[in-house]
Amino acid sequence: MFGLGAPELIIILVIALFVFGPNKLPEMASSLGKTIKEFKASSAEFTETVINPTIAPIKEAKAELERDVINPLKEGLDFSSELKDINENIMDPLKKTIDDVNPVNSFNNLKNDIKAQLTDDNPNAGIFPDIPSGPKPEMTPEEKAAAEEKLKKDIASMPLLDDTNM
């Protein structure tokens, strides 16, 4: 109420008690109450006689405008079927094209194609056609020794990582 709290109102009442005295205070409160009551009644009368007759035609015009203009426009602006057609005819094929060009999807499609080509009989089908399928033949001891020597030479020829190479 006007930013006044209980402590402020108590202070105002105490000051009023000192200024007007205990005999006049109830009489003044009564007249203040009557004044507020009359003000409310006159504002209600003003609303009834001046504001309501002015607002009533405006409310009627607004209702008529909504009924005759706005509602038909809203109904005419329903684009849901057109948007559905656009989504089906343009967006869905576009999404499919984007999915087809997506590298992850391309990789997954390739992986699935390779999996489909692989069988237990030919585990290298479609991947490494040069490598014969089936079990590997055992190496002879001479072949093993030659392979080990070649591996040692390859390792020895590799540069070692030390502080000078970095």
C-alpha atoms as a PDB file:
ATOM      1  CA  MET A   1       0.000   0.000   0.000  1.00  0.00           C
ATOM      2  CA  PHE A   2       1.926   3.072  -1.274  1.00  0.00           C
ATOM      3  CA  GLY A   3       5.201   1.580  -0.030  1.00  0.00           C
ATOM      4  CA  LEU A   4       4.199   2.038   3.627  1.00  0.00           C
ATOM      5  CA  GLY A   5       4.820  -0.792   6.020  1.00  0.00           C
ATOM      6  CA  ALA A   6       3.473  -1.413   9.510  1.00  0.00           C
ATOM      7  CA  PRO A   7       6.226   0.589  11.287  1.00  0.00           C
ATOM      8  CA  GLU A   8       5.582   3.656   9.107  1.00  0.00           C
ATOM      9  CA  LEU A   9       1.827   3.515   9.676  1.00  0.00           C
ATOM     10  CA  ILE A  10       2.325   3.255  13.448  1.00  0.00           C
ATOM     11  CA  ILE A  11       4.562   6.338  13.395  1.00  0.00           C
ATOM     12  CA  ILE A  12       1.977   8.281  11.355  1.00  0.00           C
ATOM     13  CA  LEU A  13      -0.830   7.285  13.767  1.00  0.00           C
ATOM     14  CA  VAL A  14       1.221   8.333  16.808  1.00  0.00           C
ATOM     15  CA  ILE A  15       1.971  11.733  15.234  1.00  0.00           C
ATOM     16  CA  ALA A  16      -1.726  12.145  14.307  1.00  0.00           C
ATOM     17  CA  LEU A  17      -2.679  11.267  17.888  1.00  0.00           C
ATOM     18  CA  PHE A  18      -0.365  14.008  19.230  1.00  0.00           C
ATOM     19  CA  VAL A  19      -1.507  16.598  16.674  1.00  0.00           C
ATOM     20  CA  PHE A  20      -5.285  16.049  16.773  1.00  0.00           C
ATOM     21  CA  GLY A  21      -5.740  14.486  20.206  1.00  0.00           C
ATOM     22  CA  PRO A  22      -7.562  11.338  21.254  1.00  0.00           C
ATOM     23  CA  ASN A  23     -11.063  12.893  20.950  1.00  0.00           C
ATOM     24  CA  LYS A  24     -10.758  14.103  17.333  1.00  0.00           C
ATOM     25  CA  LEU A  25      -8.895  11.041  15.911  1.00  0.00           C
ATOM     26  CA  PRO A  26     -11.952   8.673  15.659  1.00  0.00           C
ATOM     27  CA  GLU A  27     -14.008  11.469  14.059  1.00  0.00           C
ATOM     28  CA  MET A  28     -11.263  12.132  11.464  1.00  0.00           C
ATOM     29  CA  ALA A  29     -10.909   8.405  10.687  1.00  0.00           C
ATOM     30  CA  SER A  30     -14.659   8.189  10.138  1.00  0.00           C
ATOM     31  CA  SER A  31     -14.642  11.148   7.743  1.00  0.00           C
ATOM     32  CA  LEU A  32     -11.633   9.683   5.898  1.00  0.00           C
ATOM     33  CA  GLY A  33     -13.540   6.391   5.472  1.00  0.00           C
ATOM     34  CA  LYS A  34     -16.624   8.217   4.144  1.00  0.00           C
ATOM     35  CA  THR A  35     -14.456  10.197   1.711  1.00  0.00           C
ATOM     36  CA  ILE A  36     -12.853   7.020   0.357  1.00  0.00           C
ATOM     37  CA  LYS A  37     -16.285   5.378   0.022  1.00  0.00           C
ATOM     38  CA  GLU A  38     -17.638   8.389  -1.912  1.00  0.00           C
ATOM     39  CA  PHE A  39     -14.562   8.407  -4.151  1.00  0.00           C
ATOM     40  CA  LYS A  40     -15.069   4.721  -5.025  1.00  0.00           C
ATOM     41  CA  ALA A  41     -18.747   5.326  -5.771  1.00  0.00           C
ATOM     42  CA  SER A  42     -18.026   8.331  -7.995  1.00  0.00           C
ATOM     43  CA  SER A  43     -15.269   6.454  -9.880  1.00  0.00           C
ATOM     44  CA  ALA A  44     -17.669   3.530 -10.471  1.00  0.00           C
ATOM     45  CA  GLU A  45     -20.302   5.988 -11.719  1.00  0.00           C
ATOM     46  CA  PHE A  46     -17.728   7.615 -14.013  1.00  0.00           C
ATOM     47  CA  THR A  47     -16.809   4.205 -15.391  1.00  0.00           C
ATOM     48  CA  GLU A  48     -20.486   3.379 -16.026  1.00  0.00           C
ATOM     49  CA  THR A  49     -21.374   6.677 -17.681  1.00  0.00           C
ATOM     50  CA  VAL A  50     -18.228   7.630 -19.612  1.00  0.00           C
ATOM     51  CA  ILE A  51     -15.848   4.728 -20.133  1.00  0.00           C
ATOM     52  CA  ASN A  52     -18.227   1.809 -20.793  1.00  0.00           C
ATOM     53  CA  PRO A  53     -20.249   3.606 -23.517  1.00  0.00           C
ATOM     54  CA  THR A  54     -16.973   4.574 -25.181  1.00  0.00           C
ATOM     55  CA  ILE A  55     -15.432   1.114 -24.962  1.00  0.00           C
ATOM     56  CA  ALA A  56     -18.527  -0.886 -25.970  1.00  0.00           C
ATOM     57  CA  PRO A  57     -18.440   0.152 -29.667  1.00  0.00           C
ATOM     58  CA  ILE A  58     -14.696  -0.505 -29.763  1.00  0.00           C
ATOM     59  CA  LYS A  59     -15.205  -4.023 -28.372  1.00  0.00           C
ATOM     60  CA  GLU A  60     -17.981  -4.651 -30.902  1.00  0.00           C
ATOM     61  CA  ALA A  61     -15.774  -3.421 -33.758  1.00  0.00           C
ATOM     62  CA  LYS A  62     -12.936  -5.643 -32.564  1.00  0.00           C
ATOM     63  CA  ALA A  63     -15.203  -8.711 -32.409  1.00  0.00           C
ATOM     64  CA  GLU A  64     -16.571  -7.922 -35.880  1.00  0.00           C
ATOM     65  CA  LEU A  65     -13.053  -7.453 -37.252  1.00  0.00           C
ATOM     66  CA  GLU A  66     -11.937 -10.781 -35.811  1.00  0.00           C
ATOM     67  CA  ARG A  67     -15.042 -12.535 -37.126  1.00  0.00           C
ATOM     68  CA  ASP A  68     -15.023 -11.034 -40.629  1.00  0.00           C
ATOM     69  CA  VAL A  69     -11.328 -10.463 -41.386  1.00  0.00           C
ATOM     70  CA  ILE A  70      -8.855 -12.114 -39.050  1.00  0.00           C
ATOM     71  CA  ASN A  71     -10.439 -15.566 -38.722  1.00  0.00           C
ATOM     72  CA  PRO A  72     -10.842 -16.032 -42.514  1.00  0.00           C
ATOM     73  CA  LEU A  73      -7.237 -14.897 -42.967  1.00  0.00           C
ATOM     74  CA  LYS A  74      -6.059 -17.420 -40.395  1.00  0.00           C
ATOM     75  CA  GLU A  75      -7.960 -20.162 -42.191  1.00  0.00           C
ATOM     76  CA  GLY A  76      -6.579 -19.021 -45.551  1.00  0.00           C
ATOM     77  CA  LEU A  77      -3.034 -18.985 -44.223  1.00  0.00           C
ATOM     78  CA  ASP A  78      -2.998 -22.657 -43.277  1.00  0.00           C
ATOM     79  CA  PHE A  79       0.081 -23.902 -45.119  1.00  0.00           C
ATOM     80  CA  SER A  80       0.320 -27.286 -43.425  1.00  0.00           C
ATOM     81  CA  SER A  81      -0.465 -29.284 -46.583  1.00  0.00           C
ATOM     82  CA  GLU A  82       2.003 -27.220 -48.640  1.00  0.00           C
ATOM     83  CA  LEU A  83       4.682 -27.657 -46.006  1.00  0.00           C
ATOM     84  CA  LYS A  84       4.029 -31.389 -45.945  1.00  0.00           C
ATOM     85  CA  ASP A  85       4.438 -31.529 -49.745  1.00  0.00           C
ATOM     86  CA  ILE A  86       7.680 -29.525 -49.563  1.00  0.00           C
ATOM     87  CA  ASN A  87       8.977 -31.825 -46.850  1.00  0.00           C
ATOM     88  CA  GLU A  88       8.116 -34.976 -48.808  1.00  0.00           C
ATOM     89  CA  ASN A  89       9.207 -33.789 -52.271  1.00  0.00           C
ATOM     90  CA  ILE A  90      12.259 -31.678 -51.460  1.00  0.00           C
ATOM     91  CA  MET A  91      13.547 -32.154 -47.936  1.00  0.00           C
ATOM     92  CA  ASP A  92      13.390 -35.962 -47.723  1.00  0.00           C
ATOM     93  CA  PRO A  93      15.342 -36.514 -50.999  1.00  0.00           C
ATOM     94  CA  LEU A  94      17.785 -33.797 -49.934  1.00  0.00           C
ATOM     95  CA  LYS A  95      18.362 -35.509 -46.585  1.00  0.00           C
ATOM     96  CA  LYS A  96      18.908 -38.818 -48.402  1.00  0.00           C
ATOM     97  CA  THR A  97      21.435 -37.185 -50.739  1.00  0.00           C
ATOM     98  CA  ILE A  98      23.249 -35.603 -47.803  1.00  0.00           C
ATOM     99  CA  ASP A  99      23.292 -38.969 -46.024  1.00  0.00           C
ATOM    100  CA  ASP A 100      24.699 -40.596 -49.170  1.00  0.00           C
ATOM    101  CA  VAL A 101      27.568 -38.078 -49.423  1.00  0.00           C
ATOM    102  CA  ASN A 102      28.335 -38.126 -45.714  1.00  0.00           C
ATOM    103  CA  PRO A 103      31.799 -39.742 -45.314  1.00  0.00           C
ATOM    104  CA  VAL A 104      30.720 -41.706 -42.253  1.00  0.00           C
ATOM    105  CA  ASN A 105      27.758 -43.172 -44.108  1.00  0.00           C
ATOM    106  CA  SER A 106      29.950 -43.890 -47.156  1.00  0.00           C
ATOM    107  CA  PHE A 107      32.437 -45.714 -44.930  1.00  0.00           C
ATOM    108  CA  ASN A 108      29.644 -47.671 -43.236  1.00  0.00           C
ATOM    109  CA  ASN A 109      28.143 -48.599 -46.621  1.00  0.00           C
ATOM    110  CA  LEU A 110      31.566 -49.789 -47.864  1.00  0.00           C
ATOM    111  CA  LYS A 111      32.115 -51.765 -44.670  1.00  0.00           C
ATOM    112  CA  ASN A 112      28.690 -53.401 -45.036  1.00  0.00           C
ATOM    113  CA  ASP A 113      29.410 -54.238 -48.709  1.00  0.00           C
ATOM    114  CA  ILE A 114      32.693 -55.892 -47.758  1.00  0.00           C
ATOM    115  CA  LYS A 115      31.030 -57.819 -44.926  1.00  0.00           C
ATOM    116  CA  ALA A 116      28.405 -59.029 -47.390  1.00  0.00           C
ATOM    117  CA  GLN A 117      31.122 -60.304 -49.778  1.00  0.00           C
ATOM    118  CA  LEU A 118      33.081 -62.117 -47.102  1.00  0.00           C
ATOM    119  CA  THR A 119      32.297 -65.757 -46.540  1.00  0.00           C
ATOM    120  CA  ASP A 120      33.931 -68.494 -44.530  1.00  0.00           C
ATOM    121  CA  ASP A 121      35.148 -70.089 -47.777  1.00  0.00           C
ATOM    122  CA  ASN A 122      36.801 -66.915 -49.074  1.00  0.00           C
ATOM    123  CA  PRO A 123      37.687 -64.467 -46.264  1.00  0.00           C
ATOM    124  CA  ASN A 124      39.631 -62.153 -48.652  1.00  0.00           C
ATOM    125  CA  ALA A 125      36.919 -61.779 -51.299  1.00  0.00           C
ATOM    126  CA  GLY A 126      36.646 -58.284 -52.685  1.00  0.00           C
ATOM    127  CA  ILE A 127      39.365 -56.923 -50.412  1.00  0.00           C
ATOM    128  CA  PHE A 128      42.637 -58.513 -51.456  1.00  0.00           C
ATOM    129  CA  PRO A 129      41.997 -60.510 -54.618  1.00  0.00           C
ATOM    130  CA  ASP A 130      45.751 -61.210 -55.044  1.00  0.00           C
ATOM    131  CA  ILE A 131      45.997 -63.099 -51.773  1.00  0.00           C
ATOM    132  CA  PRO A 132      44.916 -66.677 -52.050  1.00  0.00           C
ATOM    133  CA  SER A 133      42.184 -67.668 -49.681  1.00  0.00           C
ATOM    134  CA  GLY A 134      42.312 -70.590 -47.342  1.00  0.00           C
ATOM    135  CA  PRO A 135      44.801 -71.632 -44.661  1.00  0.00           C
ATOM    136  CA  LYS A 136      48.411 -70.412 -44.886  1.00  0.00           C
ATOM    137  CA  PRO A 137      51.007 -73.026 -45.743  1.00  0.00           C
ATOM    138  CA  GLU A 138      53.638 -73.734 -43.096  1.00  0.00           C
ATOM    139  CA  MET A 139      57.093 -72.217 -43.653  1.00  0.00           C
ATOM    140  CA  THR A 140      60.095 -74.451 -43.985  1.00  0.00           C
ATOM    141  CA  PRO A 141      62.958 -73.885 -41.540  1.00  0.00           C
ATOM    142  CA  GLU A 142      65.044 -72.297 -44.337  1.00  0.00           C
ATOM    143  CA  GLU A 143      62.230 -69.859 -45.176  1.00  0.00           C
ATOM    144  CA  LYS A 144      61.864 -68.974 -41.485  1.00  0.00           C
ATOM    145  CA  ALA A 145      65.619 -68.304 -41.169  1.00  0.00           C
ATOM    146  CA  ALA A 146      65.618 -66.157 -44.330  1.00  0.00           C
ATOM    147  CA  ALA A 147      62.612 -64.172 -43.077  1.00  0.00           C
ATOM    148  CA  GLU A 148      64.287 -63.601 -39.701  1.00  0.00           C
ATOM    149  CA  GLU A 149      67.500 -62.382 -41.382  1.00  0.00           C
ATOM    150  CA  LYS A 150      65.542 -59.995 -43.603  1.00  0.00           C
ATOM    151  CA  LEU A 151      63.680 -58.683 -40.559  1.00  0.00           C
ATOM    152  CA  LYS A 152      66.962 -58.108 -38.678  1.00  0.00           C
ATOM    153  CA  LYS A 153      68.423 -56.220 -41.664  1.00  0.00           C
ATOM    154  CA  ASP A 154      65.270 -54.071 -41.954  1.00  0.00           C
ATOM    155  CA  ILE A 155      65.382 -53.227 -38.271  1.00  0.00           C
ATOM    156  CA  ALA A 156      69.101 -52.449 -38.399  1.00  0.00           C
ATOM    157  CA  SER A 157      68.614 -50.100 -41.350  1.00  0.00           C
ATOM    158  CA  MET A 158      65.942 -48.073 -39.539  1.00  0.00           C
ATOM    159  CA  PRO A 159      67.176 -44.812 -37.991  1.00  0.00           C
ATOM    160  CA  LEU A 160      67.115 -44.801 -34.229  1.00  0.00           C
ATOM    161  CA  LEU A 161      65.354 -42.046 -32.411  1.00  0.00           C
ATOM    162  CA  ASP A 162      67.726 -40.116 -30.237  1.00  0.00           C
ATOM    163  CA  ASP A 163      68.253 -36.501 -29.275  1.00  0.00           C
ATOM    164  CA  THR A 164      69.984 -35.675 -32.584  1.00  0.00           C
ATOM    165  CA  ASN A 165      67.033 -36.821 -34.733  1.00  0.00           C
ATOM    166  CA  MET A 166      64.491 -34.759 -32.866  1.00  0.00           C
END
